[in-house]
Amino acid sequence: MTTTDSKTLVLRNGTLIDGSGAPAAPNIAVVVEGNRITSVGELPGGINLEDTAKVEAIDATGQWIMPGLIDGHCHLSFGMPAVQGYASARGTINPGFSALRAARNAQTILRSGVTSISIPGGTWFIEVGLRDAINAGLVQGPRIYTAGRFIVTYGSIGDYEPSWVGTPEHTLGILANNVSDMITEVRRQTKHGVDFIKLADSTWGDTQTFAKEEMAAVVEEAHRRNARISIHSRGAGSTKAAAEAGVDWIMHADLATEGDLYAVAEAGVRIMPTTTFLFEALEVGKELGRSDEELDIIRRNADNAVTVLETARSLGVKVMCGTDTGNSPVMPYGVLHAHEAEIMVKFGRYTPMEAITAYTKDNAYAVGLEGELGVIEPGKLADILILNADPLEDISVLQGGKHLSAVIKDGRAVDLQAELEPKLEVAFH
């Protein structure tokens, strides 16, 4: 299936889950011209399905049509999966190798049904370049909305080197221990084309490493430069402070209390719990080298994250979905991007439809395209999936691309049969 820009694409029949939260309904025809949906419902006059030179029709009888998934928390240039035997592959030290690896990761993500990703942190501005290369048609991949390196203080996640070493250019964070340095880094990153700024508090939320006044100053500068701002915040104090400082969304919030979430609701700030990583780390972390002590901390955060999901729903806090794919060996590409939906349904008391809406319409905010993406209706960008199983009956069918019949990104069908070159198994030898 190779939809071209000059052809009208028509998706016929099947069941439509449009991403708005409206009940699923029988589909008559979804019409796509270029990269936009032009009509949903009765087939417009003037479209001749038999004119195959001008029209490509896909019959979705017995299948389900929905918007492309959006993973709101994904990292491409963190050195995963690790490749052995090549000096250039060591960690994130080599920007050229890291960029090519990131491009391959992006292809894998797209073929799992994720048509857009938000990247809260990368190395070397690699994701900025990859975003532009995908937009220019040089390589295939999902839509990318990206931050640069984390802005961190002493004790934040990413501040792993001794103080006399600092944060070398290839590392995940960049130290800024006063407001002046933080603002300078916002200016540097926006100059180099990031879409948003990422602050990073402590790894597990036991310490608050940013003062609210510091956060507020960074928010003001980012917004002045037309960039959004998010924060890695697991702790209770940092979550409330971030909401009051006006960040655009908060990642994790694992240890937030009901009072903290009330402050989040009052401020109209969104959260992205990213519980997939916590659950996966508990599942396979030990065999991949995580200590019992660290697993105990992760278990504490995971248990409280479930309460956060329920409380956020009851308070009307908008919840977006991210997985933290690519942050460590426990989070492989193309596998776990839709697991957050299952966690929302199983543990957060969300309905499958609410989880799907969070992954589509609501997550469009995390890629700067709210109102443009995540809903199948006229005028929206044409990112669409066709599934051979019903996600409302079993939300897990969204996972791993196992039930995909078609992935359409920007109005063009992705070839799901073509193998990625070179084969990943070969790259490990």
Protein backbone atom coordinates (compact mmCIF):
# COMPACT_ATOMS: atom_id res chain seq x y z
CA MET A 1 0.00 0.00 0.00
CA THR A 2 1.69 3.20 -1.15
CA THR A 3 -0.66 6.14 -0.99
CA THR A 4 0.71 9.05 -3.00
CA ASP A 5 0.19 12.74 -2.38
CA SER A 6 -1.82 13.07 -5.61
CA LYS A 7 -4.36 10.38 -4.74
CA THR A 8 -7.46 10.77 -2.63
CA LEU A 9 -7.50 8.17 0.14
CA VAL A 10 -10.85 6.71 1.19
CA LEU A 11 -11.28 4.44 4.21
CA ARG A 12 -14.56 2.58 3.87
CA ASN A 13 -16.65 0.56 6.29
CA GLY A 14 -15.45 -0.76 9.64
CA THR A 15 -16.06 0.80 13.04
CA LEU A 16 -14.91 4.34 13.71
CA ILE A 17 -13.42 5.39 17.06
CA ASP A 18 -12.80 9.04 16.25
CA GLY A 19 -10.70 9.98 19.32
CA SER A 20 -13.09 12.66 20.56
CA GLY A 21 -14.58 10.43 23.23
CA ALA A 22 -17.82 9.97 21.27
CA PRO A 23 -19.15 6.39 21.12
CA ALA A 24 -17.80 4.14 18.40
CA ALA A 25 -19.98 4.14 15.29
CA PRO A 26 -20.22 2.39 11.92
CA ASN A 27 -17.94 4.05 9.40
CA ILE A 28 -19.17 4.92 5.94
CA ALA A 29 -16.19 6.80 4.55
CA VAL A 30 -13.22 8.77 5.86
CA VAL A 31 -11.76 10.85 3.04
CA VAL A 32 -8.18 12.14 3.05
CA GLU A 33 -6.76 14.70 0.61
CA GLY A 34 -3.05 15.36 0.99
CA ASN A 35 -2.29 15.25 4.71
CA ARG A 36 -5.74 16.34 5.92
CA ILE A 37 -9.03 14.61 6.56
CA THR A 38 -11.62 16.31 4.34
CA SER A 39 -14.81 14.44 5.23
CA VAL A 40 -16.19 11.81 7.59
CA GLY A 41 -19.54 10.17 6.86
CA GLU A 42 -21.28 9.88 3.51
CA LEU A 43 -18.95 9.68 0.54
CA PRO A 44 -18.88 13.12 -1.11
CA GLY A 45 -20.12 13.43 -4.65
CA GLY A 46 -17.41 13.59 -7.27
CA ILE A 47 -15.28 10.81 -5.78
CA ASN A 48 -15.28 7.77 -8.02
CA LEU A 49 -13.92 4.76 -6.14
CA GLU A 50 -13.34 2.93 -9.41
CA ASP A 51 -10.95 5.62 -10.66
CA THR A 52 -7.85 3.98 -9.20
CA ALA A 53 -5.56 6.50 -10.85
CA LYS A 54 -6.99 9.20 -8.60
CA VAL A 55 -8.48 7.33 -5.64
CA GLU A 56 -7.09 4.69 -3.32
CA ALA A 57 -9.79 2.92 -1.32
CA ILE A 58 -9.17 0.76 1.73
CA ASP A 59 -12.01 -1.52 2.84
CA ALA A 60 -11.95 -1.76 6.65
CA THR A 61 -14.91 -4.13 6.95
CA GLY A 62 -14.67 -6.03 10.23
CA GLN A 63 -11.94 -3.71 11.50
CA TRP A 64 -11.57 -0.62 13.69
CA ILE A 65 -10.42 2.83 12.61
CA MET A 66 -8.92 5.27 15.12
CA PRO A 67 -6.40 8.13 15.29
CA GLY A 68 -2.68 7.35 15.40
CA LEU A 69 -1.27 6.91 18.90
CA ILE A 70 0.82 9.64 20.50
CA ASP A 71 3.51 8.67 23.01
CA GLY A 72 4.00 11.76 25.15
CA HIS A 73 7.26 10.62 26.78
CA CYS A 74 9.82 8.93 24.58
CA HIS A 75 13.61 9.28 24.25
CA LEU A 76 15.46 8.53 21.01
CA SER A 77 19.10 9.43 21.67
CA PHE A 78 19.78 7.94 25.11
CA GLY A 79 21.89 5.12 23.66
CA MET A 80 19.22 2.42 23.58
CA PRO A 81 19.32 -0.33 22.51
CA ALA A 82 23.00 -0.62 23.35
CA VAL A 83 25.08 -1.90 20.44
CA GLN A 84 28.14 -3.95 21.31
CA GLY A 85 31.50 -4.19 19.57
CA TYR A 86 31.80 -0.72 18.04
CA ALA A 87 33.74 2.14 19.61
CA SER A 88 31.30 4.69 18.18
CA ALA A 89 28.39 3.00 19.94
CA ARG A 90 29.59 3.64 23.48
CA GLY A 91 26.78 5.38 25.34
CA THR A 92 25.93 8.79 23.86
CA ILE A 93 29.47 9.98 23.23
CA ASN A 94 29.39 9.89 19.41
CA PRO A 95 26.71 12.22 18.00
CA GLY A 96 26.85 10.75 14.49
CA PHE A 97 26.30 7.18 15.59
CA SER A 98 23.66 8.31 18.10
CA ALA A 99 21.76 10.18 15.39
CA LEU A 100 21.66 7.16 13.08
CA ARG A 101 20.58 4.91 15.93
CA ALA A 102 17.85 7.41 16.84
CA ALA A 103 16.60 7.43 13.24
CA ARG A 104 16.27 3.67 13.31
CA ASN A 105 14.46 3.83 16.64
CA ALA A 106 12.02 6.31 15.12
CA GLN A 107 11.17 3.92 12.29
CA THR A 108 10.47 1.13 14.76
CA ILE A 109 8.16 3.40 16.76
CA LEU A 110 6.15 4.45 13.71
CA ARG A 111 5.56 0.85 12.67
CA SER A 112 4.05 0.07 16.06
CA GLY A 113 1.20 2.52 15.41
CA VAL A 114 2.70 5.57 17.14
CA THR A 115 2.49 8.42 14.65
CA SER A 116 3.68 11.20 16.99
CA ILE A 117 6.06 11.40 19.93
CA SER A 118 7.02 14.04 22.45
CA ILE A 119 10.66 13.84 23.53
CA PRO A 120 11.38 15.39 26.93
CA GLY A 121 15.14 15.34 26.65
CA GLY A 122 17.88 14.19 24.32
CA THR A 123 21.58 14.57 23.61
CA TRP A 124 23.48 16.77 21.14
CA PHE A 125 20.23 18.30 19.72
CA ILE A 126 19.91 15.02 17.81
CA GLU A 127 16.11 14.96 18.00
CA VAL A 128 15.91 18.50 16.62
CA GLY A 129 17.81 17.39 13.53
CA LEU A 130 15.85 14.16 13.24
CA ARG A 131 12.56 16.04 13.53
CA ASP A 132 13.57 18.25 10.64
CA ALA A 133 14.86 15.30 8.58
CA ILE A 134 11.52 13.48 9.02
CA ASN A 135 9.57 16.62 8.11
CA ALA A 136 11.75 17.04 5.02
CA GLY A 137 11.09 13.46 3.94
CA LEU A 138 14.71 12.33 4.26
CA VAL A 139 13.85 9.52 6.70
CA GLN A 140 10.65 7.94 7.91
CA GLY A 141 9.40 8.33 11.45
CA PRO A 142 6.68 9.75 13.68
CA ARG A 143 6.02 13.43 14.16
CA ILE A 144 8.55 14.73 16.68
CA TYR A 145 8.10 17.48 19.27
CA THR A 146 11.27 17.74 21.27
CA ALA A 147 13.13 19.29 24.16
CA GLY A 148 16.91 19.48 24.44
CA ARG A 149 19.02 18.34 27.36
CA PHE A 150 17.44 18.46 30.80
CA ILE A 151 18.09 21.63 32.77
CA VAL A 152 19.29 20.33 36.14
CA THR A 153 20.77 21.49 39.43
CA TYR A 154 23.06 19.57 41.77
CA GLY A 155 21.14 16.46 42.85
CA SER A 156 18.75 16.39 39.90
CA ILE A 157 18.30 13.40 37.63
CA GLY A 158 21.11 13.52 35.08
CA ASP A 159 23.62 15.07 37.51
CA TYR A 160 25.64 11.88 37.88
CA GLU A 161 29.22 13.10 37.54
CA PRO A 162 31.36 14.57 40.37
CA SER A 163 30.96 18.32 40.74
CA TRP A 164 34.46 18.93 39.33
CA VAL A 165 33.42 17.13 36.12
CA GLY A 166 30.03 18.82 35.74
CA THR A 167 27.80 17.70 32.88
CA PRO A 168 29.81 17.02 29.70
CA GLU A 169 28.14 17.82 26.40
CA HIS A 170 27.20 14.22 25.64
CA THR A 171 25.31 13.72 28.91
CA LEU A 172 21.56 13.97 29.43
CA GLY A 173 21.48 17.07 31.63
CA ILE A 174 23.15 20.44 31.76
CA LEU A 175 23.88 22.05 35.13
CA ALA A 176 22.35 25.42 35.91
CA ASN A 177 22.53 26.22 39.60
CA ASN A 178 21.16 29.75 39.49
CA VAL A 179 18.37 31.55 37.67
CA SER A 180 20.76 33.42 35.37
CA ASP A 181 22.29 30.18 34.10
CA MET A 182 18.85 28.60 33.71
CA ILE A 183 17.61 31.49 31.58
CA THR A 184 20.78 31.41 29.49
CA GLU A 185 20.22 27.71 28.80
CA VAL A 186 16.60 28.33 27.79
CA ARG A 187 17.85 30.92 25.32
CA ARG A 188 20.55 28.60 23.98
CA GLN A 189 18.16 25.71 23.48
CA THR A 190 15.43 27.77 21.85
CA LYS A 191 18.07 29.25 19.53
CA HIS A 192 18.90 25.71 18.43
CA GLY A 193 15.30 24.87 17.64
CA VAL A 194 13.78 22.94 20.53
CA ASP A 195 10.00 22.88 20.82
CA PHE A 196 9.92 22.89 24.62
CA ILE A 197 12.12 23.05 27.69
CA LYS A 198 12.58 20.21 30.16
CA LEU A 199 13.41 20.83 33.81
CA ALA A 200 14.45 17.78 35.83
CA ASP A 201 14.03 17.47 39.57
CA SER A 202 15.47 14.57 41.61
CA THR A 203 15.41 11.03 40.27
CA TRP A 204 12.84 9.50 42.64
CA GLY A 205 11.32 12.61 44.21
CA ASP A 206 12.93 12.34 47.63
CA THR A 207 14.47 15.81 47.33
CA GLN A 208 13.15 18.98 45.70
CA THR A 209 16.04 20.35 43.64
CA PHE A 210 14.33 23.43 42.14
CA ALA A 211 12.76 26.29 44.09
CA LYS A 212 9.38 27.51 42.87
CA GLU A 213 10.88 30.93 42.13
CA GLU A 214 13.48 29.32 39.87
CA MET A 215 10.81 27.36 38.03
CA ALA A 216 8.71 30.50 37.56
CA ALA A 217 11.64 32.40 36.05
CA VAL A 218 12.35 29.59 33.58
CA VAL A 219 8.66 29.32 32.69
CA GLU A 220 8.50 33.05 31.97
CA GLU A 221 11.57 32.93 29.71
CA ALA A 222 10.44 29.81 27.86
CA HIS A 223 7.00 31.22 27.21
CA ARG A 224 8.46 34.53 26.07
CA ARG A 225 10.38 32.56 23.46
CA ASN A 226 7.29 30.62 22.37
CA ALA A 227 8.43 27.35 23.92
CA ARG A 228 6.43 25.24 26.29
CA ILE A 229 7.94 23.82 29.45
CA SER A 230 7.61 20.54 31.32
CA ILE A 231 9.28 19.08 34.37
CA HIS A 232 10.35 15.67 35.61
CA SER A 233 8.79 15.84 39.07
CA ARG A 234 8.08 12.78 41.18
CA GLY A 235 8.03 14.48 44.55
CA ALA A 236 5.09 16.06 46.31
CA GLY A 237 6.65 19.48 46.97
CA SER A 238 8.11 19.86 43.50
CA THR A 239 4.81 18.90 41.83
CA LYS A 240 2.84 21.55 43.69
CA ALA A 241 5.57 24.15 43.14
CA ALA A 242 5.71 23.36 39.42
CA ALA A 243 1.96 23.77 39.05
CA GLU A 244 2.01 27.09 40.87
CA ALA A 245 4.99 28.23 38.77
CA GLY A 246 2.96 27.68 35.60
CA VAL A 247 4.70 24.80 33.83
CA ASP A 248 2.68 23.41 30.94
CA TRP A 249 2.72 19.79 32.09
CA ILE A 250 4.24 17.68 34.83
CA MET A 251 5.79 14.29 34.17
CA HIS A 252 5.33 11.55 36.78
CA ALA A 253 3.97 13.22 39.97
CA ASP A 254 4.25 9.76 41.58
CA LEU A 255 4.40 11.00 45.16
CA ALA A 256 1.89 13.82 44.82
CA THR A 257 -0.70 14.05 47.60
CA GLU A 258 -4.35 14.91 47.10
CA GLY A 259 -3.54 18.48 48.14
CA ASP A 260 -0.76 18.69 45.58
CA LEU A 261 -3.08 17.43 42.86
CA TYR A 262 -5.69 19.92 43.94
CA ALA A 263 -3.10 22.66 43.31
CA VAL A 264 -2.44 21.08 39.89
CA ALA A 265 -6.17 21.14 39.14
CA GLU A 266 -6.52 24.75 40.32
CA ALA A 267 -3.67 25.80 38.03
CA GLY A 268 -5.14 23.91 35.04
CA VAL A 269 -1.87 22.05 34.55
CA ARG A 270 -1.74 18.61 32.92
CA ILE A 271 0.11 15.61 34.26
CA MET A 272 1.74 12.68 32.48
CA PRO A 273 2.15 9.87 35.05
CA THR A 274 4.35 7.60 32.90
CA THR A 275 3.60 4.57 35.03
CA THR A 276 4.58 2.13 32.26
CA PHE A 277 8.26 2.51 33.13
CA LEU A 278 7.62 1.86 36.82
CA PHE A 279 5.62 -1.31 36.16
CA GLU A 280 8.12 -2.58 33.61
CA ALA A 281 11.09 -1.89 35.90
CA LEU A 282 9.42 -3.95 38.63
CA GLU A 283 8.75 -6.73 36.13
CA VAL A 284 12.19 -7.12 34.56
CA GLY A 285 14.45 -4.65 36.37
CA LYS A 286 16.19 -7.15 38.62
CA GLU A 287 17.36 -9.37 35.78
CA LEU A 288 18.69 -6.26 34.05
CA GLY A 289 20.77 -5.17 37.01
CA ARG A 290 18.58 -2.99 39.22
CA SER A 291 19.29 -3.45 42.94
CA ASP A 292 16.74 -4.57 45.53
CA GLU A 293 17.05 -1.15 47.16
CA GLU A 294 16.18 0.67 43.95
CA LEU A 295 13.32 -1.74 43.20
CA ASP A 296 11.86 -0.98 46.64
CA ILE A 297 11.87 2.72 45.76
CA ILE A 298 10.28 2.02 42.39
CA ARG A 299 7.60 -0.12 44.09
CA ARG A 300 6.80 2.76 46.45
CA ASN A 301 6.45 5.16 43.54
CA ALA A 302 4.38 2.71 41.48
CA ASP A 303 1.95 2.09 44.32
CA ASN A 304 1.44 5.81 44.86
CA ALA A 305 1.19 6.45 41.10
CA VAL A 306 -1.96 4.31 41.00
CA THR A 307 -3.51 6.53 43.66
CA VAL A 308 -2.42 9.60 41.68
CA LEU A 309 -4.25 8.28 38.60
CA GLU A 310 -7.48 7.79 40.53
CA THR A 311 -7.24 11.14 42.33
CA ALA A 312 -6.40 13.05 39.15
CA ARG A 313 -9.49 11.58 37.48
CA SER A 314 -11.71 12.54 40.40
CA LEU A 315 -10.33 16.11 40.45
CA GLY A 316 -10.66 16.58 36.70
CA VAL A 317 -6.91 16.90 36.10
CA LYS A 318 -6.15 16.27 32.44
CA VAL A 319 -4.00 13.14 32.19
CA MET A 320 -1.75 12.60 29.18
CA CYS A 321 0.03 9.36 28.32
CA GLY A 322 3.75 8.71 28.08
CA THR A 323 5.86 5.62 28.60
CA ASP A 324 9.52 6.73 28.98
CA THR A 325 10.44 4.37 26.16
CA GLY A 326 14.16 4.52 25.41
CA ASN A 327 15.20 5.65 28.90
CA SER A 328 16.82 2.30 29.84
CA PRO A 329 17.17 -1.34 28.74
CA VAL A 330 13.78 -2.18 30.29
CA MET A 331 11.99 0.10 27.79
CA PRO A 332 12.54 -1.19 24.22
CA TYR A 333 11.18 0.59 21.16
CA GLY A 334 8.02 -0.55 19.42
CA VAL A 335 6.80 -2.68 22.33
CA LEU A 336 5.42 -0.69 25.25
CA HIS A 337 4.12 2.56 23.74
CA ALA A 338 0.45 1.72 24.38
CA HIS A 339 0.80 0.08 27.80
CA GLU A 340 -0.17 3.25 29.65
CA ALA A 341 -3.72 2.79 28.35
CA GLU A 342 -4.00 -0.64 29.93
CA ILE A 343 -2.65 0.69 33.24
CA MET A 344 -5.20 3.52 33.18
CA VAL A 345 -8.02 1.04 32.66
CA LYS A 346 -6.83 -1.62 35.13
CA PHE A 347 -5.65 0.60 37.94
CA GLY A 348 -6.95 4.12 37.37
CA ARG A 349 -10.61 3.21 36.74
CA TYR A 350 -10.64 4.86 33.33
CA THR A 351 -12.81 3.40 30.60
CA PRO A 352 -11.11 2.09 27.43
CA MET A 353 -12.60 5.05 25.55
CA GLU A 354 -11.16 7.52 28.08
CA ALA A 355 -7.76 5.88 27.74
CA ILE A 356 -7.91 6.06 23.94
CA THR A 357 -8.89 9.74 24.11
CA ALA A 358 -5.95 10.38 26.44
CA TYR A 359 -3.61 8.74 23.91
CA THR A 360 -4.97 10.71 20.96
CA LYS A 361 -6.95 13.93 21.40
CA ASP A 362 -5.50 14.84 24.80
CA ASN A 363 -1.93 13.83 23.95
CA ALA A 364 -1.97 16.16 20.94
CA TYR A 365 -1.12 18.88 23.48
CA ALA A 366 2.18 17.12 24.23
CA VAL A 367 3.21 17.54 20.59
CA GLY A 368 1.95 21.11 20.23
CA LEU A 369 -0.91 20.15 17.91
CA GLU A 370 -4.03 20.35 20.06
CA GLY A 371 -6.98 21.04 17.78
CA GLU A 372 -5.00 19.76 14.80
CA LEU A 373 -4.32 16.13 15.63
CA GLY A 374 -5.71 13.16 17.52
CA VAL A 375 -9.31 13.25 16.26
CA ILE A 376 -10.73 11.89 13.02
CA GLU A 377 -12.83 14.75 11.73
CA PRO A 378 -12.73 17.15 8.78
CA GLY A 379 -9.77 19.52 8.80
CA LYS A 380 -7.58 17.45 11.11
CA LEU A 381 -4.21 15.98 10.21
CA ALA A 382 -4.57 12.50 8.78
CA ASP A 383 -2.80 10.20 11.24
CA ILE A 384 -4.95 7.06 11.31
CA LEU A 385 -4.71 3.41 12.37
CA ILE A 386 -6.74 0.44 11.19
CA LEU A 387 -6.87 -2.44 13.68
CA ASN A 388 -8.09 -6.01 13.24
CA ALA A 389 -9.31 -6.19 16.85
CA ASP A 390 -11.53 -4.01 19.02
CA PRO A 391 -9.56 -1.84 21.52
CA LEU A 392 -12.77 -1.01 23.38
CA GLU A 393 -13.27 -4.67 24.11
CA ASP A 394 -9.62 -5.25 25.04
CA ILE A 395 -7.42 -2.18 25.38
CA SER A 396 -4.27 -4.31 25.16
CA VAL A 397 -4.77 -4.85 21.41
CA LEU A 398 -3.12 -1.44 20.94
CA GLN A 399 0.20 -2.79 22.17
CA GLY A 400 3.22 -3.68 20.08
CA GLY A 401 1.59 -3.17 16.70
CA LYS A 402 0.35 -6.77 16.72
CA HIS A 403 -3.16 -5.91 15.53
CA LEU A 404 -2.32 -3.26 12.95
CA SER A 405 -3.72 -3.59 9.46
CA ALA A 406 -2.60 -0.12 8.41
CA VAL A 407 -0.73 2.90 9.73
CA ILE A 408 -1.38 6.20 7.96
CA LYS A 409 0.75 9.19 8.90
CA ASP A 410 0.26 12.57 7.27
CA GLY A 411 -2.15 11.01 4.79
CA ARG A 412 0.33 8.41 3.58
CA ALA A 413 0.27 4.70 4.35
CA VAL A 414 3.36 3.24 6.01
CA ASP A 415 4.76 0.03 4.51
CA LEU A 416 4.50 -2.35 7.46
CA GLN A 417 5.98 -5.28 5.52
CA ALA A 418 9.33 -3.79 4.56
CA GLU A 419 12.15 -4.82 6.87
CA LEU A 420 14.34 -2.22 8.50
CA GLU A 421 17.90 -2.30 7.20
CA PRO A 422 20.26 -3.41 8.54
CA LYS A 423 18.55 -6.00 10.70
CA LEU A 424 18.83 -5.15 14.38
CA GLU A 425 20.10 -8.61 15.32
CA VAL A 426 23.08 -8.13 13.01
CA ALA A 427 23.88 -4.77 14.58
CA PHE A 428 24.53 -6.46 17.90
CA HIS A 429 27.34 -8.67 16.56
